[in-house]
C-alpha atoms as a PDB file:
ATOM      1  CA  MET A   1      68.078 -78.832   0.050  1.00  0.00           C
ATOM      2  CA  LEU A   2      67.444 -75.417   0.375  1.00  0.00           C
ATOM      3  CA  THR A   3      66.342 -74.072  -3.311  1.00  0.00           C
ATOM      4  CA  LYS A   4      65.813 -70.779  -4.681  1.00  0.00           C
ATOM      5  CA  GLU A   5      62.878 -70.373  -4.026  1.00  0.00           C
ATOM      6  CA  LYS A   6      62.318 -70.847  -0.761  1.00  0.00           C
ATOM      7  CA  ILE A   7      64.914 -68.712   0.094  1.00  0.00           C
ATOM      8  CA  LYS A   8      63.218 -66.062  -2.196  1.00  0.00           C
ATOM      9  CA  SER A   9      59.473 -67.421  -0.087  1.00  0.00           C
ATOM     10  CA  THR A  10      62.301 -66.623   3.215  1.00  0.00           C
ATOM     11  CA  ILE A  11      63.426 -63.005   2.374  1.00  0.00           C
ATOM     12  CA  ASP A  12      60.250 -61.752   1.095  1.00  0.00           C
ATOM     13  CA  SER A  13      58.429 -62.777   4.525  1.00  0.00           C
ATOM     14  CA  LEU A  14      60.715 -60.998   6.063  1.00  0.00           C
ATOM     15  CA  PRO A  15      59.876 -57.426   6.698  1.00  0.00           C
ATOM     16  CA  ASP A  16      61.286 -54.291   4.802  1.00  0.00           C
ATOM     17  CA  ASN A  17      64.079 -53.406   7.276  1.00  0.00           C
ATOM     18  CA  PHE A  18      65.827 -56.488   8.299  1.00  0.00           C
ATOM     19  CA  THR A  19      69.192 -57.288   8.806  1.00  0.00           C
ATOM     20  CA  ILE A  20      71.701 -59.953   7.885  1.00  0.00           C
ATOM     21  CA  GLU A  21      71.513 -61.217  10.439  1.00  0.00           C
ATOM     22  CA  ASP A  22      67.998 -62.239  10.663  1.00  0.00           C
ATOM     23  CA  LEU A  23      67.692 -63.364   6.841  1.00  0.00           C
ATOM     24  CA  ILE A  24      71.171 -66.010   8.136  1.00  0.00           C
ATOM     25  CA  GLU A  25      68.663 -67.274  11.150  1.00  0.00           C
ATOM     26  CA  GLU A  26      65.787 -67.439   9.197  1.00  0.00           C
ATOM     27  CA  LEU A  27      67.051 -69.502   6.121  1.00  0.00           C
ATOM     28  CA  ILE A  28      69.410 -71.878   9.137  1.00  0.00           C
ATOM     29  CA  VAL A  29      65.621 -72.042  10.161  1.00  0.00           C
ATOM     30  CA  LEU A  30      64.225 -73.426   7.060  1.00  0.00           C
ATOM     31  CA  ASP A  31      67.485 -75.981   6.030  1.00  0.00           C
ATOM     32  CA  LYS A  32      67.601 -77.382   9.807  1.00  0.00           C
ATOM     33  CA  ILE A  33      62.875 -78.417   8.968  1.00  0.00           C
ATOM     34  CA  GLU A  34      64.069 -79.952   5.616  1.00  0.00           C
ATOM     35  CA  GLN A  35      67.299 -81.668   7.754  1.00  0.00           C
ATOM     36  CA  GLY A  36      63.691 -83.086   9.445  1.00  0.00           C
ATOM     37  CA  LEU A  37      62.006 -83.461   7.410  1.00  0.00           C
ATOM     38  CA  ASN A  38      63.670 -85.704   5.276  1.00  0.00           C
ATOM     39  CA  ASP A  39      64.930 -87.792   8.248  1.00  0.00           C
ATOM     40  CA  VAL A  40      61.220 -87.955   8.384  1.00  0.00           C
ATOM     41  CA  LYS A  41      60.956 -90.083   5.318  1.00  0.00           C
ATOM     42  CA  LYS A  42      64.752 -91.648   5.322  1.00  0.00           C
ATOM     43  CA  GLY A  43      62.303 -93.338   8.562  1.00  0.00           C
ATOM     44  CA  LYS A  44      65.647 -91.517  10.606  1.00  0.00           C
ATOM     45  CA  VAL A  45      63.266 -91.363  13.748  1.00  0.00           C
ATOM     46  CA  TYR A  46      62.782 -91.683  17.072  1.00  0.00           C
ATOM     47  CA  THR A  47      60.050 -92.508  19.303  1.00  0.00           C
ATOM     48  CA  THR A  48      59.432 -90.703  22.326  1.00  0.00           C
ATOM     49  CA  ARG A  49      60.511 -94.168  24.210  1.00  0.00           C
ATOM     50  CA  GLU A  50      63.603 -94.530  22.119  1.00  0.00           C
ATOM     51  CA  ALA A  51      64.229 -91.040  22.751  1.00  0.00           C
ATOM     52  CA  LYS A  52      63.777 -90.401  26.411  1.00  0.00           C
ATOM     53  CA  LYS A  53      65.763 -93.681  26.689  1.00  0.00           C
ATOM     54  CA  ARG A  54      68.715 -92.150  24.925  1.00  0.00           C
ATOM     55  CA  LEU A  55      68.127 -89.031  26.815  1.00  0.00           C
ATOM     56  CA  GLU A  56      67.935 -90.082  30.291  1.00  0.00           C
ATOM     57  CA  LYS A  57      71.960 -89.978  31.209  1.00  0.00           C
ATOM     58  CA  TRP A  58      71.123 -86.198  30.530  1.00  0.00           C
ATOM     59  CA  LEU A  59      68.157 -86.019  31.858  1.00  0.00           C
ATOM     60  CA  LYS A  60      69.942 -87.130  35.781  1.00  0.00           C
END
């Protein structure tokens, strides 16, 4: 979950002239990273072998 502080920090890290699209893109990336870290904490991860097996049908 994004906090106000993380959002403020993201805004502060952008250049003085940025578009709303730039901000939205940064916030989406930040949110996806947060989701991934939460998944790791919950053990919702795959080993490399498991990932390759699951992706095998798409890699052909």
